[in-house]
N, C-alpha and C. Protein backbone atom coordinates (compact mmCIF):
# COMPACT_ATOMS: atom_id res chain seq x y z
N UNK A 1 -9.40 14.35 -20.75
CA UNK A 1 -9.46 13.65 -19.51
C UNK A 1 -9.40 12.13 -19.44
N UNK A 2 -9.06 11.74 -18.35
CA UNK A 2 -8.89 10.16 -18.06
C UNK A 2 -10.42 10.13 -17.18
N UNK A 3 -10.65 8.64 -17.79
CA UNK A 3 -12.31 7.99 -17.22
C UNK A 3 -12.07 7.77 -15.65
N UNK A 4 -10.83 7.74 -15.28
CA UNK A 4 -10.16 7.10 -13.78
C UNK A 4 -10.05 8.34 -13.17
N UNK A 5 -10.23 8.42 -12.03
CA UNK A 5 -9.79 9.47 -10.73
C UNK A 5 -9.78 8.88 -9.65
N UNK A 6 -8.72 8.97 -9.07
CA UNK A 6 -8.35 8.70 -7.27
C UNK A 6 -8.45 9.48 -6.69
N UNK A 7 -8.81 9.53 -5.41
CA UNK A 7 -8.89 10.08 -4.62
C UNK A 7 -7.80 9.72 -3.19
N UNK A 8 -7.06 10.51 -2.97
CA UNK A 8 -5.76 10.18 -1.98
C UNK A 8 -5.53 11.00 -1.03
N UNK A 9 -5.07 10.29 0.04
CA UNK A 9 -4.92 11.08 1.15
C UNK A 9 -3.36 11.72 0.96
N UNK A 10 -2.53 12.39 2.19
CA UNK A 10 -1.48 12.56 2.17
C UNK A 10 -0.59 11.61 1.51
N UNK A 11 0.32 11.63 0.43
CA UNK A 11 1.19 10.85 0.39
C UNK A 11 2.30 10.32 1.35
N UNK A 12 2.64 11.20 2.15
CA UNK A 12 3.39 10.80 3.02
C UNK A 12 3.18 9.95 4.33
N UNK A 13 1.54 9.99 4.53
CA UNK A 13 1.06 9.07 5.76
C UNK A 13 0.05 8.01 5.07
N UNK A 14 -0.67 8.45 4.19
CA UNK A 14 -1.60 7.46 3.80
C UNK A 14 -1.34 6.16 2.90
N UNK A 15 -1.30 5.02 3.67
CA UNK A 15 -0.79 4.16 3.17
C UNK A 15 -1.69 3.10 2.77
N UNK A 16 -3.07 3.71 2.85
CA UNK A 16 -4.21 2.69 2.40
C UNK A 16 -4.55 3.43 0.81
N UNK A 17 -4.14 4.98 0.88
CA UNK A 17 -4.24 5.83 -0.48
C UNK A 17 -2.92 5.00 -1.79
N UNK A 18 -1.44 4.49 -0.83
CA UNK A 18 -0.51 3.98 -1.57
C UNK A 18 -1.22 2.82 -2.43
N UNK A 19 -1.85 2.12 -1.89
CA UNK A 19 -2.01 0.72 -2.41
C UNK A 19 -2.67 0.61 -3.54
N UNK A 20 -3.95 1.08 -3.93
CA UNK A 20 -4.59 0.82 -4.91
C UNK A 20 -4.06 1.85 -6.17
N UNK A 21 -2.95 3.22 -5.50
CA UNK A 21 -2.51 3.97 -6.70
C UNK A 21 -1.18 3.07 -7.57
N UNK A 22 -0.55 1.99 -6.60
CA UNK A 22 0.06 1.28 -7.23
C UNK A 22 0.07 0.35 -8.40
N UNK A 23 -1.21 0.08 -7.96
CA UNK A 23 -2.12 -0.80 -8.94
C UNK A 23 -2.65 -0.39 -9.94
N UNK A 24 -3.20 0.90 -9.92
CA UNK A 24 -3.50 1.89 -11.31
C UNK A 24 -2.02 2.06 -12.07
N UNK A 25 -0.86 2.20 -11.34
CA UNK A 25 0.05 2.46 -12.22
C UNK A 25 0.63 1.13 -12.68
N UNK A 26 0.25 -0.26 -12.39
CA UNK A 26 0.63 -1.39 -13.20
C UNK A 26 -0.28 -1.79 -13.99
N UNK A 27 -1.47 -1.04 -14.05
CA UNK A 27 -2.39 -1.22 -15.44
C UNK A 27 -1.96 -0.45 -16.32
N UNK A 28 -1.18 0.58 -16.14
CA UNK A 28 -0.92 1.25 -17.44
C UNK A 28 -1.73 2.54 -17.68
N UNK A 29 -3.04 2.23 -17.08
CA UNK A 29 -3.82 3.04 -17.85
C UNK A 29 -3.65 4.46 -17.08
N UNK A 30 -4.02 5.47 -17.96
CA UNK A 30 -3.98 7.04 -17.35
C UNK A 30 -5.27 7.21 -16.52
N UNK A 31 -4.95 8.40 -15.37
CA UNK A 31 -6.04 8.28 -14.77
C UNK A 31 -5.42 9.91 -13.74
N UNK A 32 -6.20 10.56 -13.53
CA UNK A 32 -6.19 11.93 -12.88
C UNK A 32 -6.10 11.56 -11.37
N UNK A 33 -5.62 12.50 -10.35
CA UNK A 33 -5.61 12.08 -8.88
C UNK A 33 -5.77 13.36 -8.13
N UNK A 34 -6.40 13.33 -7.08
CA UNK A 34 -6.68 14.42 -5.88
C UNK A 34 -6.34 13.97 -4.95
N UNK A 35 -5.22 14.97 -4.24
CA UNK A 35 -4.76 14.78 -2.74
C UNK A 35 -5.75 15.75 -1.95
N UNK A 36 -6.14 14.96 -0.98
CA UNK A 36 -6.93 15.97 -0.19
C UNK A 36 -6.24 15.36 1.26
N UNK A 37 -5.71 16.82 1.77
CA UNK A 37 -4.98 16.46 3.17
C UNK A 37 -5.73 16.14 4.29
N UNK A 38 -5.51 15.42 4.75
CA UNK A 38 -6.38 14.58 6.19
C UNK A 38 -6.14 15.42 7.13
N UNK A 39 -7.27 15.65 8.47
CA UNK A 39 -7.01 15.96 9.65
C UNK A 39 -6.75 17.52 9.25
N UNK A 40 -7.19 18.00 8.08
CA UNK A 40 -7.54 19.55 8.38
C UNK A 40 -8.90 19.57 8.38
N UNK A 41 -9.34 20.88 8.64
CA UNK A 41 -10.60 21.23 9.33
C UNK A 41 -11.86 20.92 8.06
N UNK A 42 -11.54 21.01 6.68
CA UNK A 42 -12.33 20.59 5.83
C UNK A 42 -12.30 19.24 5.36
N UNK A 43 -11.32 18.55 5.98
CA UNK A 43 -10.92 16.87 5.17
C UNK A 43 -12.52 16.45 5.09
N UNK A 44 -12.97 16.35 6.30
CA UNK A 44 -14.32 15.35 6.13
C UNK A 44 -15.56 15.66 4.82
N UNK A 45 -15.50 16.69 5.28
CA UNK A 45 -16.31 17.30 4.03
C UNK A 45 -16.24 16.85 2.60
N UNK A 46 -14.98 17.24 2.14
CA UNK A 46 -14.30 17.11 1.00
C UNK A 46 -14.24 15.68 0.52
N UNK A 47 -13.79 14.60 1.75
CA UNK A 47 -14.09 13.59 1.46
C UNK A 47 -15.24 12.71 1.12
N UNK A 48 -16.46 13.39 1.94
CA UNK A 48 -17.49 13.07 1.96
C UNK A 48 -18.47 13.22 0.32
N UNK A 49 -17.86 14.13 -0.28
CA UNK A 49 -18.47 14.86 -1.48
C UNK A 49 -17.85 13.68 -2.45
N UNK A 50 -17.05 12.91 -2.13
CA UNK A 50 -16.44 12.03 -3.13
C UNK A 50 -16.88 10.52 -2.44
N UNK A 51 -17.27 10.08 -1.84
CA UNK A 51 -17.41 8.68 -1.39
C UNK A 51 -18.12 8.73 -0.01
N UNK A 52 -19.33 7.45 0.27
CA UNK A 52 -19.85 7.55 1.76
C UNK A 52 -19.49 7.35 2.82
N UNK A 53 -18.45 6.63 2.87
CA UNK A 53 -17.34 6.52 4.15
C UNK A 53 -16.91 7.80 4.76
N UNK A 54 -16.44 8.77 3.60
CA UNK A 54 -15.78 9.67 4.27
C UNK A 54 -14.03 9.51 4.55
N UNK A 55 -13.66 8.76 3.84
CA UNK A 55 -12.19 8.34 3.75
C UNK A 55 -11.82 8.17 2.60
N UNK A 56 -10.39 7.99 2.62
CA UNK A 56 -9.52 7.64 1.42
C UNK A 56 -9.01 6.30 1.45
N UNK A 57 -8.76 5.43 0.21
CA UNK A 57 -9.06 6.09 -1.17
C UNK A 57 -10.10 6.09 -1.35
N UNK A 58 -10.87 6.78 -2.52
CA UNK A 58 -11.82 6.60 -3.36
C UNK A 58 -11.35 6.29 -5.01
N UNK A 59 -12.13 5.69 -5.89
CA UNK A 59 -11.78 5.28 -7.26
C UNK A 59 -13.18 5.60 -7.92
N UNK A 60 -13.27 6.53 -8.91
CA UNK A 60 -13.98 7.02 -9.63
C UNK A 60 -13.96 6.32 -10.91
N UNK A 61 -14.94 5.55 -11.72
CA UNK A 61 -14.63 5.33 -13.04
C UNK A 61 -15.90 5.31 -13.60
N UNK A 62 -16.41 6.52 -14.60
CA UNK A 62 -17.23 6.79 -15.20
C UNK A 62 -18.57 6.89 -13.96
N UNK A 63 -19.74 5.89 -14.00
CA UNK A 63 -20.50 5.97 -12.76
C UNK A 63 -20.22 5.10 -11.63
N UNK A 64 -19.07 4.73 -11.76
CA UNK A 64 -18.84 3.46 -10.67
C UNK A 64 -18.00 4.35 -9.57
N UNK A 65 -18.16 3.85 -8.28
CA UNK A 65 -17.40 4.79 -7.26
C UNK A 65 -16.92 3.51 -6.06
N UNK A 66 -15.79 3.47 -5.96
CA UNK A 66 -15.29 2.58 -4.80
C UNK A 66 -14.56 3.21 -3.67
N UNK A 67 -14.87 2.53 -2.58
CA UNK A 67 -14.29 3.24 -1.73
C UNK A 67 -13.64 2.44 -0.63
N UNK A 68 -12.94 1.33 -0.89
CA UNK A 68 -12.22 0.59 -0.32
C UNK A 68 -10.83 0.15 -0.98
N UNK A 69 -9.77 -0.13 -0.50
CA UNK A 69 -8.49 -0.12 -1.08
C UNK A 69 -8.58 -1.40 -2.01
N UNK A 70 -8.66 -2.41 -0.83
CA UNK A 70 -8.64 -3.84 -1.60
C UNK A 70 -9.86 -4.06 -2.94
N UNK A 71 -11.13 -3.51 -2.48
CA UNK A 71 -11.88 -3.65 -3.64
C UNK A 71 -11.43 -2.81 -4.87
N UNK A 72 -10.83 -1.58 -4.46
CA UNK A 72 -10.39 -0.86 -6.14
C UNK A 72 -9.50 -1.94 -6.29
N UNK A 73 -8.54 -2.48 -5.99
CA UNK A 73 -7.78 -3.66 -6.74
C UNK A 73 -8.27 -4.73 -7.28
N UNK A 74 -9.46 -5.19 -6.33
CA UNK A 74 -10.41 -6.19 -7.20
C UNK A 74 -10.95 -5.92 -8.36
N UNK A 75 -11.56 -4.67 -8.54
CA UNK A 75 -12.41 -3.92 -9.42
C UNK A 75 -11.28 -4.20 -10.84
N UNK A 76 -10.11 -3.13 -10.60
CA UNK A 76 -8.97 -3.21 -11.27
C UNK A 76 -8.49 -4.26 -11.86
N UNK A 77 -8.48 -5.39 -11.21
CA UNK A 77 -7.98 -6.81 -11.72
C UNK A 77 -8.99 -7.22 -12.65
N UNK A 78 -10.57 -6.99 -12.42
CA UNK A 78 -11.26 -7.51 -13.41
C UNK A 78 -11.53 -6.72 -14.85
N UNK A 79 -11.02 -5.42 -14.69
CA UNK A 79 -11.65 -4.71 -15.86
C UNK A 79 -10.20 -4.85 -16.68
N UNK A 80 -9.02 -4.79 -15.92
CA UNK A 80 -7.85 -5.13 -16.71
C UNK A 80 -6.92 -6.53 -16.66
N UNK A 81 -7.85 -7.43 -17.09
CA UNK A 81 -7.37 -8.75 -16.98
C UNK A 81 -6.10 -9.45 -17.59
N UNK A 82 -5.75 -8.35 -18.45
CA UNK A 82 -4.49 -8.65 -19.07
C UNK A 82 -3.04 -7.95 -18.49
N UNK A 83 -3.31 -7.19 -17.13
CA UNK A 83 -2.52 -6.43 -16.44
C UNK A 83 -1.49 -7.32 -15.56
N UNK A 84 -1.87 -8.68 -15.16
CA UNK A 84 -1.12 -9.34 -14.45
C UNK A 84 -1.36 -8.77 -12.94
N UNK A 85 -2.32 -8.25 -12.49
CA UNK A 85 -2.62 -8.20 -11.40
C UNK A 85 -2.68 -9.09 -10.23
N UNK A 86 -3.10 -9.97 -10.56
CA UNK A 86 -3.03 -11.18 -9.81
C UNK A 86 -2.31 -12.43 -10.45
N UNK A 87 -1.70 -13.41 -9.78
CA UNK A 87 -0.62 -14.27 -10.06
C UNK A 87 -1.77 -15.12 -11.34
N UNK A 88 -0.81 -15.93 -12.11
CA UNK A 88 -1.68 -16.58 -13.36
C UNK A 88 -2.27 -17.88 -12.64
N UNK A 89 -1.03 -18.63 -12.03
CA UNK A 89 -1.75 -19.71 -11.47
C UNK A 89 -2.95 -20.01 -10.10
N UNK A 90 -4.02 -20.59 -10.52
CA UNK A 90 -5.21 -20.51 -9.53
C UNK A 90 -4.43 -20.64 -8.13
N UNK A 91 -3.81 -21.49 -7.71
CA UNK A 91 -3.32 -21.57 -6.62
C UNK A 91 -2.42 -20.40 -5.73
N UNK A 92 -1.74 -20.04 -6.84
CA UNK A 92 -0.97 -18.50 -6.26
C UNK A 92 -2.21 -17.26 -5.96
N UNK A 93 -3.15 -17.53 -6.96
CA UNK A 93 -4.12 -16.56 -6.83
C UNK A 93 -5.02 -16.50 -5.70
N UNK A 94 -5.24 -17.74 -5.21
CA UNK A 94 -5.90 -17.90 -3.76
C UNK A 94 -4.85 -17.61 -2.69
N UNK A 95 -3.44 -17.96 -2.96
CA UNK A 95 -2.70 -17.79 -1.72
C UNK A 95 -2.51 -15.94 -1.68
N UNK A 96 -2.46 -15.50 -2.65
CA UNK A 96 -2.12 -14.00 -2.97
C UNK A 96 -3.29 -13.50 -2.41
N UNK A 97 -5.00 -13.87 -2.70
CA UNK A 97 -5.74 -13.33 -1.92
C UNK A 97 -6.06 -13.18 -0.32
N UNK A 98 -5.38 -14.48 0.12
CA UNK A 98 -5.75 -14.56 1.60
C UNK A 98 -4.68 -13.90 2.19
N UNK A 99 -3.17 -13.75 1.57
CA UNK A 99 -2.38 -12.37 2.49
C UNK A 99 -3.05 -11.34 2.13
N UNK A 100 -3.50 -10.96 1.03
CA UNK A 100 -4.09 -9.44 0.88
C UNK A 100 -5.34 -9.18 2.18
N UNK A 101 -5.87 -10.19 2.06
CA UNK A 101 -7.00 -10.20 3.38
C UNK A 101 -6.76 -9.81 4.70
N UNK A 102 -5.37 -10.74 4.62
CA UNK A 102 -4.58 -10.67 6.07
C UNK A 102 -4.03 -9.63 6.65
N UNK A 103 -3.53 -8.99 5.22
CA UNK A 103 -3.01 -7.43 5.54
C UNK A 103 -3.88 -6.38 5.62
N UNK A 104 -4.94 -6.50 4.93
CA UNK A 104 -6.09 -5.47 4.66
C UNK A 104 -7.09 -5.56 6.37
N UNK A 105 -6.85 -6.68 7.04
CA UNK A 105 -7.68 -6.70 8.20
C UNK A 105 -6.58 -6.98 9.82
N UNK A 106 -5.36 -6.91 9.46
CA UNK A 106 -4.72 -7.42 10.43
C UNK A 106 -3.51 -6.55 10.42
N UNK A 107 -2.85 -7.33 11.49
CA UNK A 107 -1.47 -6.59 11.58
C UNK A 107 -1.25 -5.06 12.63
N UNK A 108 -2.59 -4.87 13.31
CA UNK A 108 -2.77 -3.72 13.67
C UNK A 108 -1.97 -3.30 14.91
N UNK A 109 -0.86 -4.23 15.68
CA UNK A 109 -0.16 -3.64 16.55
C UNK A 109 1.10 -2.69 15.80
N UNK A 110 1.46 -3.44 14.38
CA UNK A 110 2.67 -2.74 13.71
C UNK A 110 1.64 -1.69 13.29
N UNK A 111 0.65 -1.51 12.87
CA UNK A 111 -0.06 -0.41 12.04
C UNK A 111 -0.21 0.68 13.02
N UNK A 112 -0.62 0.52 14.26
CA UNK A 112 -0.57 1.36 15.27
C UNK A 112 0.67 2.01 15.98
N UNK A 113 1.59 0.95 15.77
CA UNK A 113 2.95 1.46 16.43
C UNK A 113 3.94 2.07 15.59
N UNK A 114 3.93 1.51 14.19
CA UNK A 114 4.83 2.05 13.48
C UNK A 114 4.03 2.93 12.17
N UNK A 115 3.60 3.79 12.50
CA UNK A 115 3.11 4.32 11.22
C UNK A 115 3.92 4.95 10.15
N UNK A 116 3.45 4.88 8.94
CA UNK A 116 3.63 4.98 8.17
C UNK A 116 4.22 6.78 7.63
N UNK A 117 5.27 7.17 7.65
CA UNK A 117 5.91 8.47 7.63
C UNK A 117 6.99 8.36 6.73
N UNK A 118 6.79 8.63 5.57
CA UNK A 118 7.82 8.70 4.17
C UNK A 118 9.08 9.36 4.57
N UNK A 119 8.81 10.72 5.35
CA UNK A 119 9.72 11.74 5.60
C UNK A 119 10.69 11.66 6.95
N UNK A 120 10.30 10.30 7.95
CA UNK A 120 10.64 10.40 8.87
C UNK A 120 11.76 9.54 8.65
N UNK A 121 12.48 9.10 10.05
CA UNK A 121 13.52 7.79 10.13
C UNK A 121 13.46 8.29 11.86
N UNK A 122 13.40 6.80 12.18
CA UNK A 122 13.60 6.42 13.53
C UNK A 122 14.11 5.01 13.86
N UNK A 123 15.38 4.85 13.55
CA UNK A 123 16.03 3.89 13.53
C UNK A 123 16.11 3.33 15.10
N UNK A 124 16.03 4.34 16.29
CA UNK A 124 15.96 4.12 17.51
C UNK A 124 14.79 3.52 18.24
N UNK A 125 13.83 3.58 17.57
CA UNK A 125 12.20 3.13 18.02
C UNK A 125 12.45 1.90 18.46
N UNK A 126 11.64 1.61 19.85
CA UNK A 126 11.45 0.00 20.30
C UNK A 126 10.17 -0.36 20.05
N UNK A 127 9.90 -1.25 19.26
CA UNK A 127 8.66 -1.73 19.20
C UNK A 127 7.72 -2.30 20.23
N UNK A 128 6.47 -1.58 20.19
CA UNK A 128 5.54 -2.00 21.76
C UNK A 128 5.21 -3.45 21.37
N UNK A 129 4.29 -3.92 22.12
CA UNK A 129 4.09 -5.00 22.49
C UNK A 129 3.15 -5.56 21.09
N UNK A 130 3.25 -6.91 20.78
CA UNK A 130 2.48 -7.37 19.57
C UNK A 130 3.28 -6.99 18.18
N UNK A 131 3.98 -6.11 18.16
CA UNK A 131 4.73 -5.58 16.82
C UNK A 131 5.64 -6.85 16.45
N UNK A 132 6.41 -7.41 17.17
CA UNK A 132 7.60 -8.24 16.96
C UNK A 132 6.58 -9.59 16.25
N UNK A 133 5.60 -9.79 17.14
CA UNK A 133 4.94 -10.87 16.52
C UNK A 133 4.20 -10.84 14.93
N UNK A 134 3.93 -9.52 14.94
CA UNK A 134 3.29 -9.03 13.59
C UNK A 134 4.63 -8.85 12.61
N UNK A 135 5.80 -8.56 12.91
CA UNK A 135 6.55 -8.64 12.02
C UNK A 135 7.17 -10.03 11.41
N UNK A 136 7.09 -11.07 12.61
CA UNK A 136 7.61 -12.04 12.34
C UNK A 136 6.57 -12.76 11.40
N UNK A 137 5.12 -12.48 11.70
CA UNK A 137 4.35 -13.36 10.71
C UNK A 137 4.41 -12.69 9.00
N UNK A 138 4.56 -11.19 8.99
CA UNK A 138 5.01 -10.94 8.04
C UNK A 138 6.31 -11.53 6.87
N UNK A 139 7.47 -11.52 7.63
CA UNK A 139 8.24 -11.93 7.07
C UNK A 139 8.38 -13.48 6.58
N UNK A 140 7.16 -14.25 7.64
CA UNK A 140 7.16 -15.90 7.28
C UNK A 140 6.12 -15.69 6.01
N UNK A 141 5.31 -14.77 5.49
CA UNK A 141 4.76 -14.74 4.31
C UNK A 141 5.59 -14.51 3.27
N UNK A 142 6.62 -13.39 3.42
CA UNK A 142 7.36 -13.15 2.25
C UNK A 142 8.45 -14.32 1.76
N UNK A 143 8.91 -14.85 3.21
CA UNK A 143 9.89 -15.74 3.08
C UNK A 143 9.41 -17.07 1.99
N UNK A 144 8.20 -17.34 2.69
CA UNK A 144 7.13 -18.32 1.96
C UNK A 144 7.00 -18.23 0.22
N UNK A 145 6.77 -16.84 0.20
CA UNK A 145 6.22 -16.65 -1.23
C UNK A 145 7.77 -16.43 -2.19
N UNK A 146 8.61 -15.88 -1.66
CA UNK A 146 10.10 -16.15 -2.35
C UNK A 146 10.39 -16.96 -2.67
N UNK A 147 10.52 -18.09 -1.74
CA UNK A 147 11.07 -19.46 -1.80
C UNK A 147 10.23 -20.10 -2.94
N UNK A 148 9.12 -19.62 -3.29
CA UNK A 148 8.21 -20.59 -4.15
C UNK A 148 8.52 -19.69 -5.40
N UNK A 149 9.13 -18.50 -5.47
CA UNK A 149 9.12 -17.61 -6.70
C UNK A 149 10.20 -17.15 -7.07
N UNK A 150 11.32 -17.63 -6.30
CA UNK A 150 12.40 -16.83 -6.39
C UNK A 150 13.00 -16.71 -7.88
N UNK A 151 12.51 -17.81 -8.93
CA UNK A 151 13.28 -17.72 -10.27
C UNK A 151 12.26 -16.85 -11.11
N UNK A 152 11.10 -16.39 -10.64
CA UNK A 152 10.21 -15.61 -11.79
C UNK A 152 10.27 -14.20 -11.41
N UNK A 153 11.01 -13.70 -10.59
CA UNK A 153 11.31 -12.29 -10.42
C UNK A 153 11.51 -11.67 -8.95
N UNK A 154 11.27 -10.56 -8.61
CA UNK A 154 11.76 -9.90 -7.39
C UNK A 154 11.12 -10.11 -6.17
N UNK A 155 9.62 -10.12 -6.98
CA UNK A 155 8.46 -9.80 -6.18
C UNK A 155 7.99 -10.99 -5.33
N UNK A 156 7.15 -11.08 -4.61
CA UNK A 156 5.97 -12.07 -4.15
C UNK A 156 5.69 -13.20 -4.93
N UNK A 157 5.03 -12.95 -6.11
CA UNK A 157 4.83 -14.15 -7.33
C UNK A 157 5.89 -13.75 -8.20
N UNK A 158 6.57 -13.36 -8.22
CA UNK A 158 7.76 -12.95 -9.26
C UNK A 158 7.52 -11.56 -9.73
N UNK A 159 6.49 -11.35 -10.71
CA UNK A 159 5.81 -10.04 -10.93
C UNK A 159 5.23 -9.12 -10.00
N UNK A 160 5.14 -7.94 -10.01
CA UNK A 160 4.57 -7.04 -8.99
C UNK A 160 2.97 -7.60 -9.51
N UNK A 161 2.69 -7.60 -8.37
CA UNK A 161 0.93 -7.92 -7.94
C UNK A 161 0.28 -7.16 -7.06
N UNK A 162 -0.83 -7.32 -6.76
CA UNK A 162 -1.55 -6.53 -5.69
C UNK A 162 -1.19 -6.96 -4.73
N UNK A 163 -0.74 -7.93 -4.56
CA UNK A 163 -0.21 -8.63 -3.11
C UNK A 163 1.14 -7.71 -2.88
N UNK A 164 2.02 -7.40 -3.58
CA UNK A 164 3.07 -6.80 -3.02
C UNK A 164 2.62 -5.23 -3.00
N UNK A 165 1.43 -4.45 -3.85
CA UNK A 165 0.93 -3.18 -3.25
C UNK A 165 0.13 -3.41 -2.21
N UNK A 166 -0.14 -4.17 -1.59
CA UNK A 166 -0.50 -4.47 -0.39
C UNK A 166 0.21 -4.43 0.91
N UNK A 167 1.53 -5.04 0.46
CA UNK A 167 2.55 -5.17 1.34
C UNK A 167 3.66 -3.97 1.39
N UNK A 168 3.57 -2.91 0.36
CA UNK A 168 4.53 -1.81 -0.06
C UNK A 168 4.45 -0.72 1.10
N UNK A 169 3.10 -0.44 1.85
CA UNK A 169 3.49 0.68 3.08
C UNK A 169 4.52 -0.48 4.05
N UNK A 170 4.34 -1.51 4.16
CA UNK A 170 5.14 -2.20 5.53
C UNK A 170 6.54 -2.36 4.95
N UNK A 171 6.97 -2.41 3.73
CA UNK A 171 7.82 -2.02 3.42
C UNK A 171 8.56 -0.97 3.56
N UNK A 172 7.82 0.17 3.42
CA UNK A 172 8.01 1.80 3.88
C UNK A 172 8.34 1.97 5.34
N UNK A 173 7.84 1.17 6.20
CA UNK A 173 7.75 1.51 7.78
C UNK A 173 8.68 0.71 8.16
N UNK A 174 9.43 -0.65 7.09
CA UNK A 174 10.21 -1.08 8.11
C UNK A 174 11.48 -0.25 7.35
N UNK A 175 11.76 0.63 6.64
CA UNK A 175 12.64 1.68 6.47
C UNK A 175 12.57 2.86 7.18
N UNK A 176 11.54 3.32 7.56
CA UNK A 176 11.40 4.35 8.44
C UNK A 176 11.93 4.10 9.60
N UNK A 177 11.77 2.90 10.54
CA UNK A 177 12.01 2.24 11.49
C UNK A 177 13.44 1.56 11.81
N UNK A 178 13.85 1.15 10.67
CA UNK A 178 15.22 0.37 10.72
C UNK A 178 15.18 -0.80 10.96
N UNK A 179 14.00 -1.42 10.89
CA UNK A 179 13.36 -2.68 11.21
C UNK A 179 14.73 -4.01 10.76
N UNK A 180 15.14 -4.66 11.65
CA UNK A 180 16.13 -5.70 11.31
C UNK A 180 15.58 -6.90 10.69
N UNK A 181 15.82 -7.29 9.45
CA UNK A 181 15.36 -8.48 8.62
C UNK A 181 15.99 -9.37 8.31
N UNK A 182 15.85 -10.53 7.89
CA UNK A 182 16.47 -11.62 7.16
C UNK A 182 16.68 -10.94 6.00
N UNK A 183 17.82 -12.01 5.33
CA UNK A 183 18.10 -11.39 3.99
C UNK A 183 17.20 -11.55 3.21
N UNK A 184 16.52 -12.52 3.09
CA UNK A 184 15.00 -12.84 1.64
C UNK A 184 14.07 -11.51 2.16
N UNK A 185 13.68 -11.28 3.32
CA UNK A 185 12.84 -10.16 3.44
C UNK A 185 13.83 -8.74 3.35
N UNK A 186 14.88 -8.73 3.69
CA UNK A 186 15.68 -7.42 3.13
C UNK A 186 15.42 -7.22 1.66
N UNK A 187 15.98 -7.95 1.22
CA UNK A 187 16.14 -8.11 -0.39
C UNK A 187 14.59 -7.85 -1.04
N UNK A 188 13.80 -8.37 -0.51
CA UNK A 188 12.26 -8.25 -1.07
C UNK A 188 11.73 -6.64 -0.74
N UNK A 189 12.11 -6.02 0.74
CA UNK A 189 11.94 -4.73 0.81
C UNK A 189 12.79 -3.56 -0.21
N UNK A 190 13.82 -4.37 -0.33
CA UNK A 190 14.76 -3.27 -1.17
C UNK A 190 13.76 -3.25 -2.90
N UNK A 191 13.55 -4.49 -3.09
CA UNK A 191 13.11 -4.54 -4.44
C UNK A 191 11.75 -3.60 -4.87
N UNK A 192 10.95 -3.91 -3.47
CA UNK A 192 9.46 -3.02 -3.57
C UNK A 192 9.92 -1.39 -3.61
N UNK A 193 10.53 -1.03 -2.77
CA UNK A 193 11.12 0.44 -2.34
C UNK A 193 11.90 0.99 -3.61
N UNK A 194 12.46 -0.13 -4.56
CA UNK A 194 13.29 0.44 -5.72
C UNK A 194 12.39 0.28 -6.92
N UNK A 195 10.92 0.06 -6.84
CA UNK A 195 10.28 -0.09 -7.98
C UNK A 195 9.95 1.04 -8.29
N UNK A 196 9.74 1.80 -9.51
CA UNK A 196 9.68 3.24 -10.07
C UNK A 196 8.74 3.69 -9.70
N UNK A 197 7.11 3.26 -9.69
CA UNK A 197 6.01 3.98 -9.30
C UNK A 197 6.40 4.32 -7.77
N UNK A 198 6.87 3.41 -7.08
CA UNK A 198 6.82 3.70 -5.65
C UNK A 198 7.73 4.61 -5.55
N UNK A 199 9.07 4.65 -5.95
CA UNK A 199 10.16 5.81 -6.27
C UNK A 199 9.38 6.97 -6.43
N UNK A 200 8.41 6.91 -7.46
CA UNK A 200 7.68 8.22 -7.86
C UNK A 200 7.09 8.87 -6.48
N UNK A 201 6.01 7.74 -6.20
CA UNK A 201 5.09 7.98 -5.05
C UNK A 201 6.13 8.79 -3.76
N UNK A 202 7.13 8.11 -3.48
CA UNK A 202 7.98 8.67 -2.27
C UNK A 202 8.69 9.95 -2.50
N UNK A 203 8.72 10.37 -3.81
CA UNK A 203 9.29 11.88 -4.42
C UNK A 203 8.53 12.58 -4.34
N UNK A 204 7.20 12.56 -4.41
CA UNK A 204 5.96 13.13 -4.14
C UNK A 204 5.63 13.51 -2.78
N UNK A 205 5.94 12.42 -2.12
CA UNK A 205 5.45 12.32 -0.71
C UNK A 205 6.34 13.15 0.14
N UNK A 206 8.14 13.42 -0.20
CA UNK A 206 8.97 13.97 0.32
C UNK A 206 8.57 15.56 -0.04
N UNK A 207 8.19 15.76 -1.35
CA UNK A 207 7.81 17.22 -1.70
C UNK A 207 6.61 17.80 -1.53
N UNK A 208 5.62 16.78 -0.86
CA UNK A 208 4.32 17.64 -0.39
C UNK A 208 4.56 18.78 0.70
N UNK A 209 3.68 19.72 0.53
CA UNK A 209 3.58 20.73 1.52
C UNK A 209 3.09 20.40 3.12
N UNK A 210 2.32 19.20 2.97
CA UNK A 210 1.29 18.94 3.97
C UNK A 210 1.99 18.29 5.22
N UNK A 211 1.57 18.66 6.31
CA UNK A 211 2.09 18.05 7.64
C UNK A 211 0.93 17.61 8.51
N UNK A 212 1.22 16.66 9.23
CA UNK A 212 -0.35 16.22 10.17
C UNK A 212 0.43 16.58 11.54
N UNK A 213 0.33 17.55 12.39
CA UNK A 213 0.63 17.43 13.86
C UNK A 213 0.44 16.60 14.61
N UNK A 214 1.30 15.98 15.45
CA UNK A 214 1.26 14.90 16.24
C UNK A 214 0.47 14.09 15.63
N UNK A 215 1.45 13.83 14.44
CA UNK A 215 0.57 12.15 13.58
C UNK A 215 0.65 11.09 14.31
N UNK A 216 -0.37 10.70 14.11
CA UNK A 216 -0.35 9.18 14.73
C UNK A 216 -1.09 8.31 14.01
N UNK A 217 -0.64 7.88 12.71
CA UNK A 217 -1.23 6.97 11.99
C UNK A 217 -2.95 7.37 11.43
N UNK A 218 -3.17 8.40 10.74
CA UNK A 218 -4.46 8.96 10.77
C UNK A 218 -5.38 7.90 10.35
N UNK A 219 -5.01 7.19 9.22
CA UNK A 219 -6.16 6.33 8.61
C UNK A 219 -5.77 5.04 7.99
N UNK A 220 -4.81 4.39 8.76
CA UNK A 220 -4.64 2.82 8.43
C UNK A 220 -5.29 2.06 9.52
């Protein structure tokens, strides 16, 4: 049995679960996972059995329990220093951490208005107040990163890093809601959505039987 276990919410909806799962896949380490359907009668008690916040995700590694997506990613970067989870250059690492923190705590208009729902397609969706400003800021970040790293690979800092994992649910949202993007942002979105681990997650999200009635962005 693997020393690593990650507790996840519904793969179709749980953006915060997706982020550290992608980082785990990037490390190459074997791990087990448990999906706990959100907003079911027993969800809270099952989640509290794994972590004190009663939320997903939770990573367990031996006697270590971590219950925040970005904290999980940082922990994995510490114990897998050769996995390339952060950019090698100190300047790029600092910038990557800054945009990850911005994603972790910000863009609430987009997150509230454009819930992650991988099985859905809403190209007719009209963004609510504040969403366009969030999209503008996100694509500004993407354009800056790609301009500086265009020759290093297709992701924000060339290779796939924690920064890409943090923005992966946004790429999913842009596909679901048919968001019109500039070419650089569209190409980056395409690269993220075609990264094999994310393709695998998508397939599992489409196949899972769980549905949240009247879903409204349950845990993002």
